[in-house]
Amino acid sequence: MKKYVFLLVDDDMDDSELFQEALTEIDSTIIFHHAENGEDALKKLDPFQLPDLMFLDINMPRMNGWECLRLMKNNPVFRKIPVIVYSTSSHQEEVNSAIALGAYNFYTKPSSYKELKKMLTEVVAKLKSSSLESFQLVTTD
């Protein structure tokens, strides 16, 4: 059985703990890693053991999500990582920017734990069925 690795890049520790708790309840075999900002995430990425999926917040100190995504997608090894931008924002221009930069999808952070679990359940199911590509958004410009 394949073990999936998720990397959450988010400076909000409460959000990170809830994310990890929900993910563990959904599938305890998923390996969870956390980075506090884009700089931390890039340091933690191992070219020989890439995460299966990255959730990337936008507003973070040191290196924000936009810069991290830009650097990842310009790197021939890291560009393969499917990235879901995961933010409190819900502005369409930010969704379009994320997709234009190479993100797979864009999620506004759920307002409840129940919604978070529902979202993660859908993502895990797509990943396990190897249909993550069908999950990919395209810009609406």
N, C-alpha and C. Protein backbone atom coordinates (compact mmCIF):
# COMPACT_ATOMS: atom_id res chain seq x y z
N MET A 1 0.83 -1.18 0.00
CA MET A 1 0.00 0.00 0.00
C MET A 1 0.88 1.25 0.00
N LYS A 2 0.63 2.15 -0.93
CA LYS A 2 1.42 3.37 -1.04
C LYS A 2 1.13 4.30 0.13
N LYS A 3 2.19 4.86 0.67
CA LYS A 3 2.05 5.87 1.73
C LYS A 3 2.16 7.23 1.07
N TYR A 4 1.17 8.07 1.31
CA TYR A 4 1.15 9.41 0.75
C TYR A 4 1.74 10.41 1.74
N VAL A 5 2.40 11.41 1.19
CA VAL A 5 3.03 12.44 1.99
C VAL A 5 2.41 13.79 1.63
N PHE A 6 1.90 14.50 2.64
CA PHE A 6 1.35 15.83 2.45
C PHE A 6 2.27 16.83 3.15
N LEU A 7 2.46 17.97 2.52
CA LEU A 7 3.20 19.07 3.13
C LEU A 7 2.27 20.27 3.20
N LEU A 8 2.04 20.76 4.41
CA LEU A 8 1.26 21.97 4.61
C LEU A 8 2.23 23.10 4.92
N VAL A 9 2.14 24.17 4.15
CA VAL A 9 2.98 25.35 4.38
C VAL A 9 2.05 26.45 4.87
N ASP A 10 2.13 26.73 6.17
CA ASP A 10 1.20 27.66 6.80
C ASP A 10 1.82 28.16 8.10
N ASP A 11 1.80 29.46 8.32
CA ASP A 11 2.39 30.02 9.54
C ASP A 11 1.43 30.01 10.72
N ASP A 12 0.17 29.67 10.50
CA ASP A 12 -0.81 29.64 11.59
C ASP A 12 -0.80 28.25 12.23
N MET A 13 -0.26 28.16 13.43
CA MET A 13 -0.10 26.86 14.09
C MET A 13 -1.46 26.22 14.43
N ASP A 14 -2.45 27.02 14.77
CA ASP A 14 -3.78 26.46 15.05
C ASP A 14 -4.36 25.80 13.81
N ASP A 15 -4.25 26.49 12.67
CA ASP A 15 -4.73 25.91 11.40
C ASP A 15 -3.97 24.63 11.07
N SER A 16 -2.68 24.64 11.31
CA SER A 16 -1.86 23.47 11.02
C SER A 16 -2.25 22.28 11.87
N GLU A 17 -2.48 22.52 13.15
CA GLU A 17 -2.88 21.43 14.06
C GLU A 17 -4.23 20.85 13.67
N LEU A 18 -5.19 21.72 13.32
CA LEU A 18 -6.50 21.24 12.89
C LEU A 18 -6.39 20.45 11.59
N PHE A 19 -5.57 20.94 10.67
CA PHE A 19 -5.35 20.27 9.40
C PHE A 19 -4.79 18.86 9.64
N GLN A 20 -3.77 18.78 10.48
CA GLN A 20 -3.16 17.48 10.77
C GLN A 20 -4.15 16.55 11.47
N GLU A 21 -4.91 17.06 12.41
CA GLU A 21 -5.88 16.24 13.12
C GLU A 21 -6.94 15.70 12.15
N ALA A 22 -7.47 16.56 11.29
CA ALA A 22 -8.48 16.13 10.31
C ALA A 22 -7.91 15.09 9.36
N LEU A 23 -6.70 15.32 8.89
CA LEU A 23 -6.06 14.39 7.96
C LEU A 23 -5.84 13.03 8.62
N THR A 24 -5.43 13.02 9.87
CA THR A 24 -5.22 11.77 10.60
C THR A 24 -6.53 11.01 10.78
N GLU A 25 -7.62 11.73 11.04
CA GLU A 25 -8.92 11.09 11.19
C GLU A 25 -9.38 10.48 9.86
N ILE A 26 -9.05 11.12 8.76
CA ILE A 26 -9.47 10.65 7.44
C ILE A 26 -8.64 9.43 7.02
N ASP A 27 -7.33 9.53 7.20
CA ASP A 27 -6.44 8.44 6.79
C ASP A 27 -5.16 8.51 7.62
N SER A 28 -5.05 7.66 8.59
CA SER A 28 -3.90 7.70 9.51
C SER A 28 -2.59 7.25 8.85
N THR A 29 -2.66 6.72 7.63
CA THR A 29 -1.42 6.30 6.96
C THR A 29 -0.74 7.45 6.21
N ILE A 30 -1.43 8.58 6.05
CA ILE A 30 -0.83 9.72 5.35
C ILE A 30 0.22 10.35 6.25
N ILE A 31 1.37 10.58 5.69
CA ILE A 31 2.47 11.21 6.43
C ILE A 31 2.32 12.71 6.26
N PHE A 32 2.29 13.41 7.38
CA PHE A 32 2.07 14.86 7.39
C PHE A 32 3.36 15.58 7.75
N HIS A 33 3.70 16.57 6.94
CA HIS A 33 4.84 17.45 7.25
C HIS A 33 4.33 18.88 7.23
N HIS A 34 5.01 19.72 7.98
CA HIS A 34 4.60 21.12 8.09
C HIS A 34 5.80 22.02 7.90
N ALA A 35 5.59 23.14 7.22
CA ALA A 35 6.59 24.19 7.09
C ALA A 35 5.91 25.50 7.45
N GLU A 36 6.64 26.40 8.09
CA GLU A 36 6.05 27.64 8.59
C GLU A 36 5.97 28.75 7.56
N ASN A 37 6.72 28.64 6.48
CA ASN A 37 6.69 29.66 5.43
C ASN A 37 7.34 29.07 4.17
N GLY A 38 7.35 29.83 3.10
CA GLY A 38 7.89 29.34 1.85
C GLY A 38 9.36 28.99 1.92
N GLU A 39 10.12 29.79 2.62
CA GLU A 39 11.56 29.53 2.77
C GLU A 39 11.78 28.20 3.48
N ASP A 40 11.05 27.98 4.56
CA ASP A 40 11.13 26.73 5.32
C ASP A 40 10.74 25.54 4.44
N ALA A 41 9.69 25.72 3.64
CA ALA A 41 9.23 24.64 2.76
C ALA A 41 10.30 24.26 1.74
N LEU A 42 10.91 25.25 1.11
CA LEU A 42 11.93 24.96 0.11
C LEU A 42 13.14 24.25 0.73
N LYS A 43 13.48 24.61 1.96
CA LYS A 43 14.59 23.94 2.65
C LYS A 43 14.25 22.48 2.97
N LYS A 44 12.96 22.21 3.24
CA LYS A 44 12.55 20.86 3.63
C LYS A 44 12.32 19.94 2.43
N LEU A 45 12.19 20.49 1.24
CA LEU A 45 11.93 19.65 0.07
C LEU A 45 13.16 18.84 -0.29
N ASP A 46 12.98 17.55 -0.39
CA ASP A 46 14.04 16.62 -0.73
C ASP A 46 13.79 16.13 -2.16
N PRO A 47 14.70 16.42 -3.10
CA PRO A 47 14.48 16.01 -4.49
C PRO A 47 14.26 14.51 -4.68
N PHE A 48 14.69 13.71 -3.71
CA PHE A 48 14.55 12.26 -3.83
C PHE A 48 13.30 11.73 -3.13
N GLN A 49 12.62 12.59 -2.38
CA GLN A 49 11.42 12.19 -1.66
C GLN A 49 10.43 13.36 -1.64
N LEU A 50 9.87 13.66 -2.79
CA LEU A 50 8.95 14.79 -2.90
C LEU A 50 7.60 14.44 -2.28
N PRO A 51 6.92 15.44 -1.72
CA PRO A 51 5.57 15.17 -1.21
C PRO A 51 4.63 14.86 -2.37
N ASP A 52 3.60 14.10 -2.08
CA ASP A 52 2.59 13.79 -3.10
C ASP A 52 1.68 14.98 -3.34
N LEU A 53 1.59 15.85 -2.35
CA LEU A 53 0.71 17.00 -2.44
C LEU A 53 1.16 18.07 -1.46
N MET A 54 1.11 19.33 -1.90
CA MET A 54 1.46 20.44 -1.03
C MET A 54 0.27 21.39 -0.94
N PHE A 55 -0.05 21.80 0.27
CA PHE A 55 -1.03 22.85 0.52
C PHE A 55 -0.23 24.09 0.92
N LEU A 56 -0.46 25.20 0.22
CA LEU A 56 0.39 26.38 0.37
C LEU A 56 -0.44 27.61 0.69
N ASP A 57 -0.23 28.17 1.88
CA ASP A 57 -0.87 29.42 2.27
C ASP A 57 -0.22 30.56 1.49
N ILE A 58 -0.93 31.67 1.36
CA ILE A 58 -0.39 32.82 0.62
C ILE A 58 0.33 33.78 1.54
N ASN A 59 -0.33 34.22 2.60
CA ASN A 59 0.20 35.26 3.47
C ASN A 59 0.99 34.67 4.62
N MET A 60 2.32 34.73 4.45
CA MET A 60 3.23 34.21 5.47
C MET A 60 4.44 35.12 5.56
N PRO A 61 5.11 35.14 6.71
CA PRO A 61 6.34 35.93 6.83
C PRO A 61 7.51 35.27 6.10
N ARG A 62 8.57 36.00 5.97
CA ARG A 62 9.84 35.57 5.35
C ARG A 62 9.71 35.31 3.86
N MET A 63 8.92 34.32 3.45
CA MET A 63 8.64 34.09 2.04
C MET A 63 7.18 33.69 1.91
N ASN A 64 6.43 34.52 1.18
CA ASN A 64 5.00 34.23 1.05
C ASN A 64 4.75 33.09 0.04
N GLY A 65 3.51 32.69 -0.04
CA GLY A 65 3.16 31.58 -0.92
C GLY A 65 3.37 31.88 -2.40
N TRP A 66 3.16 33.12 -2.81
CA TRP A 66 3.35 33.46 -4.23
C TRP A 66 4.80 33.23 -4.65
N GLU A 67 5.72 33.73 -3.83
CA GLU A 67 7.14 33.60 -4.16
C GLU A 67 7.57 32.13 -4.11
N CYS A 68 7.09 31.40 -3.12
CA CYS A 68 7.41 29.98 -3.01
C CYS A 68 6.91 29.22 -4.23
N LEU A 69 5.67 29.46 -4.63
CA LEU A 69 5.10 28.79 -5.80
C LEU A 69 5.88 29.14 -7.06
N ARG A 70 6.23 30.40 -7.21
CA ARG A 70 7.00 30.85 -8.38
C ARG A 70 8.35 30.12 -8.44
N LEU A 71 9.04 30.05 -7.32
CA LEU A 71 10.35 29.39 -7.29
C LEU A 71 10.21 27.89 -7.55
N MET A 72 9.18 27.26 -6.97
CA MET A 72 8.97 25.82 -7.18
C MET A 72 8.71 25.51 -8.65
N LYS A 73 7.86 26.29 -9.27
CA LYS A 73 7.47 25.99 -10.65
C LYS A 73 8.56 26.35 -11.65
N ASN A 74 9.58 27.10 -11.21
CA ASN A 74 10.75 27.37 -12.05
C ASN A 74 11.87 26.36 -11.83
N ASN A 75 11.65 25.42 -10.90
CA ASN A 75 12.64 24.39 -10.61
C ASN A 75 12.19 23.09 -11.28
N PRO A 76 13.03 22.50 -12.15
CA PRO A 76 12.61 21.31 -12.88
C PRO A 76 12.23 20.11 -12.01
N VAL A 77 12.74 20.02 -10.81
CA VAL A 77 12.41 18.91 -9.91
C VAL A 77 11.14 19.22 -9.13
N PHE A 78 11.07 20.41 -8.54
CA PHE A 78 9.96 20.76 -7.66
C PHE A 78 8.69 21.10 -8.42
N ARG A 79 8.78 21.42 -9.70
CA ARG A 79 7.57 21.78 -10.46
C ARG A 79 6.60 20.61 -10.58
N LYS A 80 7.09 19.40 -10.35
CA LYS A 80 6.24 18.20 -10.45
C LYS A 80 5.27 18.07 -9.27
N ILE A 81 5.54 18.77 -8.18
CA ILE A 81 4.71 18.63 -6.98
C ILE A 81 3.37 19.32 -7.22
N PRO A 82 2.27 18.59 -7.07
CA PRO A 82 0.96 19.24 -7.16
C PRO A 82 0.76 20.16 -5.95
N VAL A 83 0.44 21.42 -6.23
CA VAL A 83 0.26 22.41 -5.18
C VAL A 83 -1.18 22.90 -5.17
N ILE A 84 -1.77 22.89 -3.99
CA ILE A 84 -3.08 23.49 -3.78
C ILE A 84 -2.87 24.73 -2.92
N VAL A 85 -3.20 25.89 -3.47
CA VAL A 85 -3.12 27.10 -2.67
C VAL A 85 -4.27 27.06 -1.67
N TYR A 86 -3.95 27.33 -0.42
CA TYR A 86 -4.87 27.15 0.71
C TYR A 86 -4.84 28.43 1.53
N SER A 87 -5.84 29.29 1.34
CA SER A 87 -5.77 30.63 1.88
C SER A 87 -7.10 31.08 2.46
N THR A 88 -7.05 32.13 3.28
CA THR A 88 -8.28 32.74 3.77
C THR A 88 -8.95 33.57 2.69
N SER A 89 -8.23 33.89 1.65
CA SER A 89 -8.76 34.69 0.55
C SER A 89 -9.74 33.89 -0.31
N SER A 90 -10.66 34.59 -0.91
CA SER A 90 -11.56 33.96 -1.87
C SER A 90 -11.71 34.83 -3.11
N HIS A 91 -10.77 35.75 -3.32
CA HIS A 91 -10.83 36.66 -4.46
C HIS A 91 -10.48 35.93 -5.76
N GLN A 92 -11.31 36.11 -6.76
CA GLN A 92 -11.12 35.42 -8.04
C GLN A 92 -9.77 35.74 -8.67
N GLU A 93 -9.28 36.99 -8.52
CA GLU A 93 -7.98 37.32 -9.12
C GLU A 93 -6.85 36.52 -8.47
N GLU A 94 -6.98 36.20 -7.19
CA GLU A 94 -5.96 35.38 -6.54
C GLU A 94 -6.06 33.93 -7.00
N VAL A 95 -7.27 33.45 -7.20
CA VAL A 95 -7.46 32.09 -7.75
C VAL A 95 -6.80 32.03 -9.12
N ASN A 96 -7.08 33.00 -9.97
CA ASN A 96 -6.50 33.03 -11.31
C ASN A 96 -4.98 33.12 -11.27
N SER A 97 -4.45 33.95 -10.37
CA SER A 97 -2.99 34.08 -10.24
C SER A 97 -2.36 32.75 -9.81
N ALA A 98 -2.99 32.08 -8.86
CA ALA A 98 -2.45 30.80 -8.38
C ALA A 98 -2.40 29.78 -9.50
N ILE A 99 -3.46 29.68 -10.27
CA ILE A 99 -3.51 28.71 -11.36
C ILE A 99 -2.52 29.10 -12.45
N ALA A 100 -2.42 30.38 -12.74
CA ALA A 100 -1.46 30.85 -13.76
C ALA A 100 -0.02 30.54 -13.35
N LEU A 101 0.25 30.54 -12.05
CA LEU A 101 1.60 30.22 -11.56
C LEU A 101 1.86 28.72 -11.50
N GLY A 102 0.82 27.92 -11.72
CA GLY A 102 1.04 26.47 -11.76
C GLY A 102 0.40 25.68 -10.64
N ALA A 103 -0.41 26.33 -9.78
CA ALA A 103 -1.10 25.59 -8.73
C ALA A 103 -2.16 24.69 -9.36
N TYR A 104 -2.40 23.56 -8.72
CA TYR A 104 -3.43 22.63 -9.20
C TYR A 104 -4.82 23.15 -8.91
N ASN A 105 -4.97 23.74 -7.73
CA ASN A 105 -6.28 24.16 -7.30
C ASN A 105 -6.11 25.24 -6.25
N PHE A 106 -7.21 25.83 -5.85
CA PHE A 106 -7.21 26.91 -4.86
C PHE A 106 -8.38 26.64 -3.92
N TYR A 107 -8.10 26.57 -2.63
CA TYR A 107 -9.14 26.40 -1.64
C TYR A 107 -9.12 27.55 -0.66
N THR A 108 -10.28 28.10 -0.39
CA THR A 108 -10.41 29.03 0.71
C THR A 108 -10.50 28.19 1.97
N LYS A 109 -9.75 28.57 3.00
CA LYS A 109 -9.74 27.80 4.24
C LYS A 109 -11.17 27.67 4.77
N PRO A 110 -11.58 26.46 5.06
CA PRO A 110 -12.93 26.24 5.59
C PRO A 110 -13.12 26.94 6.93
N SER A 111 -14.36 27.30 7.21
CA SER A 111 -14.65 28.01 8.46
C SER A 111 -14.98 27.07 9.61
N SER A 112 -15.07 25.77 9.32
CA SER A 112 -15.35 24.82 10.40
C SER A 112 -14.51 23.56 10.21
N TYR A 113 -14.36 22.83 11.30
CA TYR A 113 -13.62 21.58 11.26
C TYR A 113 -14.33 20.57 10.36
N LYS A 114 -15.64 20.55 10.42
CA LYS A 114 -16.43 19.64 9.60
C LYS A 114 -16.20 19.90 8.10
N GLU A 115 -16.16 21.18 7.71
CA GLU A 115 -15.90 21.55 6.31
C GLU A 115 -14.47 21.18 5.91
N LEU A 116 -13.53 21.36 6.84
CA LEU A 116 -12.13 20.99 6.57
C LEU A 116 -12.02 19.50 6.30
N LYS A 117 -12.67 18.69 7.14
CA LYS A 117 -12.64 17.23 6.94
C LYS A 117 -13.28 16.84 5.61
N LYS A 118 -14.36 17.49 5.25
CA LYS A 118 -15.03 17.20 3.97
C LYS A 118 -14.09 17.52 2.81
N MET A 119 -13.46 18.68 2.86
CA MET A 119 -12.53 19.08 1.80
C MET A 119 -11.37 18.09 1.69
N LEU A 120 -10.77 17.76 2.83
CA LEU A 120 -9.63 16.84 2.81
C LEU A 120 -10.03 15.44 2.38
N THR A 121 -11.23 15.01 2.73
CA THR A 121 -11.73 13.71 2.29
C THR A 121 -11.80 13.65 0.76
N GLU A 122 -12.30 14.72 0.16
CA GLU A 122 -12.38 14.79 -1.31
C GLU A 122 -10.99 14.77 -1.94
N VAL A 123 -10.07 15.53 -1.37
CA VAL A 123 -8.71 15.60 -1.91
C VAL A 123 -8.02 14.24 -1.80
N VAL A 124 -8.13 13.60 -0.65
CA VAL A 124 -7.50 12.29 -0.44
C VAL A 124 -8.08 11.27 -1.41
N ALA A 125 -9.40 11.29 -1.60
CA ALA A 125 -10.04 10.35 -2.53
C ALA A 125 -9.53 10.57 -3.96
N LYS A 126 -9.40 11.81 -4.37
CA LYS A 126 -8.88 12.11 -5.72
C LYS A 126 -7.43 11.63 -5.86
N LEU A 127 -6.64 11.87 -4.84
CA LEU A 127 -5.24 11.47 -4.88
C LEU A 127 -5.12 9.95 -4.96
N LYS A 128 -5.87 9.24 -4.14
CA LYS A 128 -5.79 7.78 -4.11
C LYS A 128 -6.34 7.13 -5.37
N SER A 129 -7.27 7.80 -6.03
CA SER A 129 -7.82 7.23 -7.26
C SER A 129 -7.02 7.65 -8.48
N SER A 130 -5.89 8.30 -8.22
CA SER A 130 -5.01 8.79 -9.29
C SER A 130 -5.72 9.72 -10.25
N SER A 131 -6.70 10.44 -9.73
CA SER A 131 -7.41 11.37 -10.60
C SER A 131 -7.21 12.81 -10.14
N LEU A 132 -6.06 13.08 -9.56
CA LEU A 132 -5.77 14.44 -9.11
C LEU A 132 -5.78 15.41 -10.30
N GLU A 133 -5.39 14.93 -11.47
CA GLU A 133 -5.37 15.79 -12.65
C GLU A 133 -6.78 16.29 -12.99
N SER A 134 -7.80 15.47 -12.72
CA SER A 134 -9.17 15.90 -13.00
C SER A 134 -9.60 16.98 -12.02
N PHE A 135 -8.84 17.16 -11.00
CA PHE A 135 -9.09 18.11 -9.95
C PHE A 135 -8.49 19.46 -10.29
N GLN A 136 -7.64 19.48 -11.30
CA GLN A 136 -6.88 20.67 -11.65
C GLN A 136 -7.80 21.72 -12.27
N LEU A 137 -7.67 22.93 -11.78
CA LEU A 137 -8.42 24.05 -12.32
C LEU A 137 -7.69 24.65 -13.50
N VAL A 138 -8.40 25.41 -14.28
CA VAL A 138 -7.78 26.21 -15.34
C VAL A 138 -8.20 27.65 -15.11
N THR A 139 -7.41 28.58 -15.58
CA THR A 139 -7.77 29.98 -15.36
C THR A 139 -9.03 30.33 -16.12
N THR A 140 -9.74 31.30 -15.58
CA THR A 140 -11.00 31.70 -16.20
C THR A 140 -10.88 33.05 -16.89
N ASP A 141 -9.66 33.47 -17.19
CA ASP A 141 -9.45 34.75 -17.87
C ASP A 141 -9.97 34.71 -19.29
